[in-house]
Amino acid sequence: PAKNNIIVPLDEKTVKIMPPDGVYGHRKSVSAMDDKIYTFDKVFTSNSSQEDIYEYVADHVLETIRGYNTTIFAYGATGSGKSFT
């Protein structure tokens, strides 16, 4: 991973979140700042196209319209296209 990446996809369902550079230097205890690993139903990378995302979430959107509870969690930088996609 690049030096400044704090969120790194490990596979199609898992991401690792690491503290930014320099965070450890000012803490006596680093347990709260250890790398964290989270697993989701699906993780899209920055290389994913809108078509890739649409193909995966379309059924979830339809289920929401039918009255089922669903969650689509979109994380990314401001202006990266989360709402547009």
PDB file of N, CA and C in Angstrom:
ATOM      1  N   PRO A   1       0.816  -1.206   0.000  1.00  0.00           N
ATOM      2  CA  PRO A   1       0.000   0.000   0.000  1.00  0.00           C
ATOM      3  C   PRO A   1       0.855   1.264   0.000  1.00  0.00           C
ATOM      4  N   ALA A   2       0.307   2.310  -0.553  1.00  0.00           N
ATOM      5  CA  ALA A   2       1.012   3.586  -0.566  1.00  0.00           C
ATOM      6  C   ALA A   2       1.168   4.109   0.854  1.00  0.00           C
ATOM      7  N   LYS A   3       2.169   4.937   1.074  1.00  0.00           N
ATOM      8  CA  LYS A   3       2.501   5.409   2.417  1.00  0.00           C
ATOM      9  C   LYS A   3       1.352   6.145   3.096  1.00  0.00           C
ATOM     10  N   ASN A   4       0.569   6.929   2.371  1.00  0.00           N
ATOM     11  CA  ASN A   4      -0.486   7.743   2.966  1.00  0.00           C
ATOM     12  C   ASN A   4      -1.852   7.075   2.979  1.00  0.00           C
ATOM     13  N   ASN A   5      -1.979   5.874   2.424  1.00  0.00           N
ATOM     14  CA  ASN A   5      -3.268   5.187   2.447  1.00  0.00           C
ATOM     15  C   ASN A   5      -3.549   4.707   3.855  1.00  0.00           C
ATOM     16  N   ILE A   6      -4.711   5.079   4.390  1.00  0.00           N
ATOM     17  CA  ILE A   6      -5.081   4.569   5.702  1.00  0.00           C
ATOM     18  C   ILE A   6      -6.172   3.514   5.586  1.00  0.00           C
ATOM     19  N   ILE A   7      -6.823   3.421   4.431  1.00  0.00           N
ATOM     20  CA  ILE A   7      -7.826   2.388   4.187  1.00  0.00           C
ATOM     21  C   ILE A   7      -7.346   1.544   3.013  1.00  0.00           C
ATOM     22  N   VAL A   8      -7.144   0.261   3.287  1.00  0.00           N
ATOM     23  CA  VAL A   8      -6.587  -0.625   2.278  1.00  0.00           C
ATOM     24  C   VAL A   8      -7.513  -1.820   2.087  1.00  0.00           C
ATOM     25  N   PRO A   9      -8.082  -2.000   0.881  1.00  0.00           N
ATOM     26  CA  PRO A   9      -8.891  -3.201   0.635  1.00  0.00           C
ATOM     27  C   PRO A   9      -7.995  -4.438   0.677  1.00  0.00           C
ATOM     28  N   LEU A  10      -8.409  -5.455   1.443  1.00  0.00           N
ATOM     29  CA  LEU A  10      -7.652  -6.700   1.514  1.00  0.00           C
ATOM     30  C   LEU A  10      -8.182  -7.731   0.532  1.00  0.00           C
ATOM     31  N   ASP A  11      -9.508  -7.715   0.313  1.00  0.00           N
ATOM     32  CA  ASP A  11     -10.144  -8.585  -0.666  1.00  0.00           C
ATOM     33  C   ASP A  11     -11.503  -7.988  -0.997  1.00  0.00           C
ATOM     34  N   GLU A  12     -12.401  -8.759  -1.616  1.00  0.00           N
ATOM     35  CA  GLU A  12     -13.703  -8.226  -2.043  1.00  0.00           C
ATOM     36  C   GLU A  12     -14.639  -7.908  -0.883  1.00  0.00           C
ATOM     37  N   LYS A  13     -14.302  -8.347   0.338  1.00  0.00           N
ATOM     38  CA  LYS A  13     -15.196  -8.125   1.473  1.00  0.00           C
ATOM     39  C   LYS A  13     -14.527  -7.482   2.680  1.00  0.00           C
ATOM     40  N   THR A  14     -13.224  -7.284   2.638  1.00  0.00           N
ATOM     41  CA  THR A  14     -12.498  -6.871   3.827  1.00  0.00           C
ATOM     42  C   THR A  14     -11.609  -5.662   3.564  1.00  0.00           C
ATOM     43  N   VAL A  15     -11.603  -4.728   4.532  1.00  0.00           N
ATOM     44  CA  VAL A  15     -10.707  -3.578   4.473  1.00  0.00           C
ATOM     45  C   VAL A  15      -9.920  -3.489   5.776  1.00  0.00           C
ATOM     46  N   LYS A  16      -8.711  -2.948   5.668  1.00  0.00           N
ATOM     47  CA  LYS A  16      -7.898  -2.678   6.850  1.00  0.00           C
ATOM     48  C   LYS A  16      -7.777  -1.174   6.971  1.00  0.00           C
ATOM     49  N   ILE A  17      -8.034  -0.664   8.180  1.00  0.00           N
ATOM     50  CA  ILE A  17      -7.906   0.766   8.448  1.00  0.00           C
ATOM     51  C   ILE A  17      -6.713   0.949   9.375  1.00  0.00           C
ATOM     52  N   MET A  18      -5.766   1.746   8.921  1.00  0.00           N
ATOM     53  CA  MET A  18      -4.539   1.978   9.671  1.00  0.00           C
ATOM     54  C   MET A  18      -4.476   3.432  10.113  1.00  0.00           C
ATOM     55  N   PRO A  19      -3.859   3.707  11.253  1.00  0.00           N
ATOM     56  CA  PRO A  19      -3.721   5.108  11.681  1.00  0.00           C
ATOM     57  C   PRO A  19      -2.801   5.857  10.730  1.00  0.00           C
ATOM     58  N   PRO A  20      -3.036   7.160  10.578  1.00  0.00           N
ATOM     59  CA  PRO A  20      -2.165   7.950   9.701  1.00  0.00           C
ATOM     60  C   PRO A  20      -0.731   7.956  10.226  1.00  0.00           C
ATOM     61  N   ASP A  21       0.216   8.246   9.346  1.00  0.00           N
ATOM     62  CA  ASP A  21       1.622   8.327   9.739  1.00  0.00           C
ATOM     63  C   ASP A  21       1.798   9.312  10.896  1.00  0.00           C
ATOM     64  N   GLY A  22       2.645   8.941  11.848  1.00  0.00           N
ATOM     65  CA  GLY A  22       2.981   9.842  12.947  1.00  0.00           C
ATOM     66  C   GLY A  22       2.073   9.764  14.147  1.00  0.00           C
ATOM     67  N   VAL A  23       0.984   9.008  14.094  1.00  0.00           N
ATOM     68  CA  VAL A  23       0.046   8.975  15.211  1.00  0.00           C
ATOM     69  C   VAL A  23       0.645   8.274  16.422  1.00  0.00           C
ATOM     70  N   TYR A  24       1.416   7.219  16.202  1.00  0.00           N
ATOM     71  CA  TYR A  24       1.954   6.449  17.316  1.00  0.00           C
ATOM     72  C   TYR A  24       2.920   7.262  18.178  1.00  0.00           C
ATOM     73  N   GLY A  25       3.612   8.197  17.594  1.00  0.00           N
ATOM     74  CA  GLY A  25       4.668   8.910  18.298  1.00  0.00           C
ATOM     75  C   GLY A  25       4.238   9.674  19.532  1.00  0.00           C
ATOM     76  N   HIS A  26       2.976  10.067  19.647  1.00  0.00           N
ATOM     77  CA  HIS A  26       2.514  10.888  20.747  1.00  0.00           C
ATOM     78  C   HIS A  26       1.673  10.123  21.756  1.00  0.00           C
ATOM     79  N   ARG A  27       1.594   8.810  21.647  1.00  0.00           N
ATOM     80  CA  ARG A  27       0.724   8.021  22.517  1.00  0.00           C
ATOM     81  C   ARG A  27       1.546   7.038  23.337  1.00  0.00           C
ATOM     82  N   LYS A  28       1.180   6.900  24.609  1.00  0.00           N
ATOM     83  CA  LYS A  28       1.814   5.873  25.436  1.00  0.00           C
ATOM     84  C   LYS A  28       1.202   4.510  25.151  1.00  0.00           C
ATOM     85  N   SER A  29      -0.107   4.484  24.906  1.00  0.00           N
ATOM     86  CA  SER A  29      -0.806   3.242  24.596  1.00  0.00           C
ATOM     87  C   SER A  29      -1.322   3.339  23.173  1.00  0.00           C
ATOM     88  N   VAL A  30      -0.992   2.347  22.363  1.00  0.00           N
ATOM     89  CA  VAL A  30      -1.415   2.399  20.963  1.00  0.00           C
ATOM     90  C   VAL A  30      -2.591   1.463  20.685  1.00  0.00           C
ATOM     91  N   SER A  31      -3.138   0.812  21.705  1.00  0.00           N
ATOM     92  CA  SER A  31      -4.190  -0.173  21.450  1.00  0.00           C
ATOM     93  C   SER A  31      -5.381   0.423  20.722  1.00  0.00           C
ATOM     94  N   ALA A  32      -5.737   1.662  21.041  1.00  0.00           N
ATOM     95  CA  ALA A  32      -6.869   2.296  20.367  1.00  0.00           C
ATOM     96  C   ALA A  32      -6.526   2.659  18.930  1.00  0.00           C
ATOM     97  N   MET A  33      -5.253   2.682  18.610  1.00  0.00           N
ATOM     98  CA  MET A  33      -4.823   3.094  17.279  1.00  0.00           C
ATOM     99  C   MET A  33      -4.249   1.939  16.473  1.00  0.00           C
ATOM    100  N   ASP A  34      -4.399   0.717  16.944  1.00  0.00           N
ATOM    101  CA  ASP A  34      -3.928  -0.434  16.179  1.00  0.00           C
ATOM    102  C   ASP A  34      -4.712  -0.539  14.872  1.00  0.00           C
ATOM    103  N   ASP A  35      -4.135  -1.221  13.901  1.00  0.00           N
ATOM    104  CA  ASP A  35      -4.852  -1.467  12.651  1.00  0.00           C
ATOM    105  C   ASP A  35      -6.163  -2.185  12.948  1.00  0.00           C
ATOM    106  N   LYS A  36      -7.216  -1.805  12.264  1.00  0.00           N
ATOM    107  CA  LYS A  36      -8.531  -2.436  12.423  1.00  0.00           C
ATOM    108  C   LYS A  36      -8.904  -3.099  11.110  1.00  0.00           C
ATOM    109  N   ILE A  37      -9.549  -4.255  11.200  1.00  0.00           N
ATOM    110  CA  ILE A  37     -10.002  -4.966  10.011  1.00  0.00           C
ATOM    111  C   ILE A  37     -11.513  -5.111  10.091  1.00  0.00           C
ATOM    112  N   TYR A  38     -12.198  -4.715   9.020  1.00  0.00           N
ATOM    113  CA  TYR A  38     -13.657  -4.773   8.950  1.00  0.00           C
ATOM    114  C   TYR A  38     -14.072  -5.608   7.750  1.00  0.00           C
ATOM    115  N   THR A  39     -15.144  -6.363   7.913  1.00  0.00           N
ATOM    116  CA  THR A  39     -15.664  -7.197   6.838  1.00  0.00           C
ATOM    117  C   THR A  39     -17.079  -6.744   6.485  1.00  0.00           C
ATOM    118  N   PHE A  40     -17.340  -6.605   5.200  1.00  0.00           N
ATOM    119  CA  PHE A  40     -18.638  -6.181   4.682  1.00  0.00           C
ATOM    120  C   PHE A  40     -19.120  -7.229   3.682  1.00  0.00           C
ATOM    121  N   ASP A  41     -20.346  -7.076   3.207  1.00  0.00           N
ATOM    122  CA  ASP A  41     -20.846  -7.971   2.160  1.00  0.00           C
ATOM    123  C   ASP A  41     -20.070  -7.771   0.858  1.00  0.00           C
ATOM    124  N   LYS A  42     -19.634  -6.541   0.611  1.00  0.00           N
ATOM    125  CA  LYS A  42     -18.904  -6.241  -0.623  1.00  0.00           C
ATOM    126  C   LYS A  42     -18.088  -4.973  -0.409  1.00  0.00           C
ATOM    127  N   VAL A  43     -16.862  -4.968  -0.898  1.00  0.00           N
ATOM    128  CA  VAL A  43     -16.004  -3.792  -0.866  1.00  0.00           C
ATOM    129  C   VAL A  43     -15.624  -3.462  -2.302  1.00  0.00           C
ATOM    130  N   PHE A  44     -15.841  -2.216  -2.695  1.00  0.00           N
ATOM    131  CA  PHE A  44     -15.449  -1.754  -4.025  1.00  0.00           C
ATOM    132  C   PHE A  44     -14.182  -0.918  -3.897  1.00  0.00           C
ATOM    133  N   THR A  45     -13.270  -1.082  -4.811  1.00  0.00           N
ATOM    134  CA  THR A  45     -12.040  -0.293  -4.804  1.00  0.00           C
ATOM    135  C   THR A  45     -12.223   0.945  -5.671  1.00  0.00           C
ATOM    136  N   SER A  46     -11.207   1.785  -5.682  1.00  0.00           N
ATOM    137  CA  SER A  46     -11.265   2.988  -6.521  1.00  0.00           C
ATOM    138  C   SER A  46     -11.242   2.631  -8.007  1.00  0.00           C
ATOM    139  N   ASN A  47     -10.919   1.399  -8.330  1.00  0.00           N
ATOM    140  CA  ASN A  47     -10.921   0.954  -9.724  1.00  0.00           C
ATOM    141  C   ASN A  47     -12.289   0.450 -10.184  1.00  0.00           C
ATOM    142  N   SER A  48     -13.252   0.368  -9.283  1.00  0.00           N
ATOM    143  CA  SER A  48     -14.595  -0.126  -9.633  1.00  0.00           C
ATOM    144  C   SER A  48     -15.319   0.905 -10.484  1.00  0.00           C
ATOM    145  N   SER A  49     -16.039   0.425 -11.473  1.00  0.00           N
ATOM    146  CA  SER A  49     -16.809   1.333 -12.334  1.00  0.00           C
ATOM    147  C   SER A  49     -18.206   1.513 -11.758  1.00  0.00           C
ATOM    148  N   GLN A  50     -18.905   2.521 -12.257  1.00  0.00           N
ATOM    149  CA  GLN A  50     -20.294   2.720 -11.849  1.00  0.00           C
ATOM    150  C   GLN A  50     -21.134   1.506 -12.206  1.00  0.00           C
ATOM    151  N   GLU A  51     -20.825   0.887 -13.332  1.00  0.00           N
ATOM    152  CA  GLU A  51     -21.569  -0.306 -13.752  1.00  0.00           C
ATOM    153  C   GLU A  51     -21.367  -1.455 -12.759  1.00  0.00           C
ATOM    154  N   ASP A  52     -20.122  -1.621 -12.277  1.00  0.00           N
ATOM    155  CA  ASP A  52     -19.846  -2.657 -11.273  1.00  0.00           C
ATOM    156  C   ASP A  52     -20.702  -2.448 -10.026  1.00  0.00           C
ATOM    157  N   ILE A  53     -20.745  -1.211  -9.573  1.00  0.00           N
ATOM    158  CA  ILE A  53     -21.489  -0.895  -8.354  1.00  0.00           C
ATOM    159  C   ILE A  53     -22.980  -1.057  -8.595  1.00  0.00           C
ATOM    160  N   TYR A  54     -23.463  -0.546  -9.714  1.00  0.00           N
ATOM    161  CA  TYR A  54     -24.890  -0.666 -10.014  1.00  0.00           C
ATOM    162  C   TYR A  54     -25.326  -2.126 -10.069  1.00  0.00           C
ATOM    163  N   GLU A  55     -24.546  -2.947 -10.749  1.00  0.00           N
ATOM    164  CA  GLU A  55     -24.905  -4.374 -10.861  1.00  0.00           C
ATOM    165  C   GLU A  55     -25.043  -5.026  -9.494  1.00  0.00           C
ATOM    166  N   TYR A  56     -24.215  -4.611  -8.557  1.00  0.00           N
ATOM    167  CA  TYR A  56     -24.267  -5.221  -7.226  1.00  0.00           C
ATOM    168  C   TYR A  56     -25.408  -4.668  -6.373  1.00  0.00           C
ATOM    169  N   VAL A  57     -25.649  -3.350  -6.418  1.00  0.00           N
ATOM    170  CA  VAL A  57     -26.624  -2.750  -5.497  1.00  0.00           C
ATOM    171  C   VAL A  57     -28.044  -2.672  -6.041  1.00  0.00           C
ATOM    172  N   ALA A  58     -28.252  -2.888  -7.319  1.00  0.00           N
ATOM    173  CA  ALA A  58     -29.586  -2.720  -7.906  1.00  0.00           C
ATOM    174  C   ALA A  58     -30.640  -3.558  -7.190  1.00  0.00           C
ATOM    175  N   ASP A  59     -30.343  -4.823  -6.913  1.00  0.00           N
ATOM    176  CA  ASP A  59     -31.317  -5.673  -6.221  1.00  0.00           C
ATOM    177  C   ASP A  59     -31.596  -5.176  -4.809  1.00  0.00           C
ATOM    178  N   HIS A  60     -30.583  -4.635  -4.141  1.00  0.00           N
ATOM    179  CA  HIS A  60     -30.782  -4.100  -2.787  1.00  0.00           C
ATOM    180  C   HIS A  60     -31.702  -2.877  -2.818  1.00  0.00           C
ATOM    181  N   VAL A  61     -31.526  -2.034  -3.817  1.00  0.00           N
ATOM    182  CA  VAL A  61     -32.390  -0.860  -3.955  1.00  0.00           C
ATOM    183  C   VAL A  61     -33.832  -1.305  -4.196  1.00  0.00           C
ATOM    184  N   LEU A  62     -34.035  -2.293  -5.062  1.00  0.00           N
ATOM    185  CA  LEU A  62     -35.386  -2.794  -5.317  1.00  0.00           C
ATOM    186  C   LEU A  62     -36.002  -3.391  -4.050  1.00  0.00           C
ATOM    187  N   GLU A  63     -35.215  -4.103  -3.261  1.00  0.00           N
ATOM    188  CA  GLU A  63     -35.721  -4.666  -2.008  1.00  0.00           C
ATOM    189  C   GLU A  63     -36.138  -3.560  -1.043  1.00  0.00           C
ATOM    190  N   THR A  64     -35.423  -2.462  -1.035  1.00  0.00           N
ATOM    191  CA  THR A  64     -35.791  -1.324  -0.190  1.00  0.00           C
ATOM    192  C   THR A  64     -37.145  -0.769  -0.626  1.00  0.00           C
ATOM    193  N   ILE A  65     -37.329  -0.631  -1.928  1.00  0.00           N
ATOM    194  CA  ILE A  65     -38.597  -0.121  -2.458  1.00  0.00           C
ATOM    195  C   ILE A  65     -39.739  -1.065  -2.092  1.00  0.00           C
ATOM    196  N   ARG A  66     -39.450  -2.351  -2.030  1.00  0.00           N
ATOM    197  CA  ARG A  66     -40.472  -3.348  -1.651  1.00  0.00           C
ATOM    198  C   ARG A  66     -40.741  -3.384  -0.152  1.00  0.00           C
ATOM    199  N   GLY A  67     -39.993  -2.607   0.634  1.00  0.00           N
ATOM    200  CA  GLY A  67     -40.265  -2.517   2.059  1.00  0.00           C
ATOM    201  C   GLY A  67     -39.292  -3.242   2.964  1.00  0.00           C
ATOM    202  N   TYR A  68     -38.262  -3.852   2.411  1.00  0.00           N
ATOM    203  CA  TYR A  68     -37.262  -4.528   3.231  1.00  0.00           C
ATOM    204  C   TYR A  68     -36.221  -3.527   3.728  1.00  0.00           C
ATOM    205  N   ASN A  69     -35.666  -3.795   4.905  1.00  0.00           N
ATOM    206  CA  ASN A  69     -34.601  -2.951   5.432  1.00  0.00           C
ATOM    207  C   ASN A  69     -33.279  -3.329   4.775  1.00  0.00           C
ATOM    208  N   THR A  70     -32.612  -2.355   4.199  1.00  0.00           N
ATOM    209  CA  THR A  70     -31.303  -2.579   3.594  1.00  0.00           C
ATOM    210  C   THR A  70     -30.399  -1.408   3.966  1.00  0.00           C
ATOM    211  N   THR A  71     -29.115  -1.627   3.859  1.00  0.00           N
ATOM    212  CA  THR A  71     -28.137  -0.565   4.099  1.00  0.00           C
ATOM    213  C   THR A  71     -27.100  -0.591   3.005  1.00  0.00           C
ATOM    214  N   ILE A  72     -26.842   0.567   2.443  1.00  0.00           N
ATOM    215  CA  ILE A  72     -25.735   0.736   1.514  1.00  0.00           C
ATOM    216  C   ILE A  72     -24.835   1.786   2.149  1.00  0.00           C
ATOM    217  N   PHE A  73     -23.650   1.372   2.569  1.00  0.00           N
ATOM    218  CA  PHE A  73     -22.702   2.243   3.254  1.00  0.00           C
ATOM    219  C   PHE A  73     -21.665   2.696   2.237  1.00  0.00           C
ATOM    220  N   ALA A  74     -21.672   3.981   1.930  1.00  0.00           N
ATOM    221  CA  ALA A  74     -20.730   4.517   0.942  1.00  0.00           C
ATOM    222  C   ALA A  74     -19.739   5.428   1.653  1.00  0.00           C
ATOM    223  N   TYR A  75     -18.456   5.102   1.508  1.00  0.00           N
ATOM    224  CA  TYR A  75     -17.395   5.891   2.134  1.00  0.00           C
ATOM    225  C   TYR A  75     -16.434   6.361   1.055  1.00  0.00           C
ATOM    226  N   GLY A  76     -16.044   7.588   1.141  1.00  0.00           N
ATOM    227  CA  GLY A  76     -15.082   8.104   0.178  1.00  0.00           C
ATOM    228  C   GLY A  76     -14.914   9.598   0.339  1.00  0.00           C
ATOM    229  N   ALA A  77     -13.952  10.128  -0.343  1.00  0.00           N
ATOM    230  CA  ALA A  77     -13.644  11.546  -0.267  1.00  0.00           C
ATOM    231  C   ALA A  77     -14.788  12.394  -0.838  1.00  0.00           C
ATOM    232  N   THR A  78     -14.896  13.609  -0.356  1.00  0.00           N
ATOM    233  CA  THR A  78     -15.872  14.545  -0.889  1.00  0.00           C
ATOM    234  C   THR A  78     -15.619  14.728  -2.381  1.00  0.00           C
ATOM    235  N   GLY A  79     -16.677  14.639  -3.168  1.00  0.00           N
ATOM    236  CA  GLY A  79     -16.547  14.824  -4.605  1.00  0.00           C
ATOM    237  C   GLY A  79     -16.120  13.579  -5.363  1.00  0.00           C
ATOM    238  N   SER A  80     -16.076  12.444  -4.683  1.00  0.00           N
ATOM    239  CA  SER A  80     -15.608  11.227  -5.361  1.00  0.00           C
ATOM    240  C   SER A  80     -16.710  10.490  -6.101  1.00  0.00           C
ATOM    241  N   GLY A  81     -17.972  10.953  -5.998  1.00  0.00           N
ATOM    242  CA  GLY A  81     -19.044  10.361  -6.792  1.00  0.00           C
ATOM    243  C   GLY A  81     -19.943   9.393  -6.057  1.00  0.00           C
ATOM    244  N   LYS A  82     -19.917   9.394  -4.730  1.00  0.00           N
ATOM    245  CA  LYS A  82     -20.746   8.449  -3.971  1.00  0.00           C
ATOM    246  C   LYS A  82     -22.232   8.636  -4.274  1.00  0.00           C
ATOM    247  N   SER A  83     -22.719   9.842  -4.197  1.00  0.00           N
ATOM    248  CA  SER A  83     -24.140  10.105  -4.452  1.00  0.00           C
ATOM    249  C   SER A  83     -24.484   9.912  -5.918  1.00  0.00           C
ATOM    250  N   PHE A  84     -23.613  10.326  -6.805  1.00  0.00           N
ATOM    251  CA  PHE A  84     -23.856  10.207  -8.236  1.00  0.00           C
ATOM    252  C   PHE A  84     -23.999   8.741  -8.634  1.00  0.00           C
ATOM    253  N   THR A  85     -23.102   7.910  -8.114  1.00  0.00           N
ATOM    254  CA  THR A  85     -23.137   6.481  -8.441  1.00  0.00           C
ATOM    255  C   THR A  85     -24.397   5.866  -7.904  1.00  0.00           C
TER     256      THR A  85
END
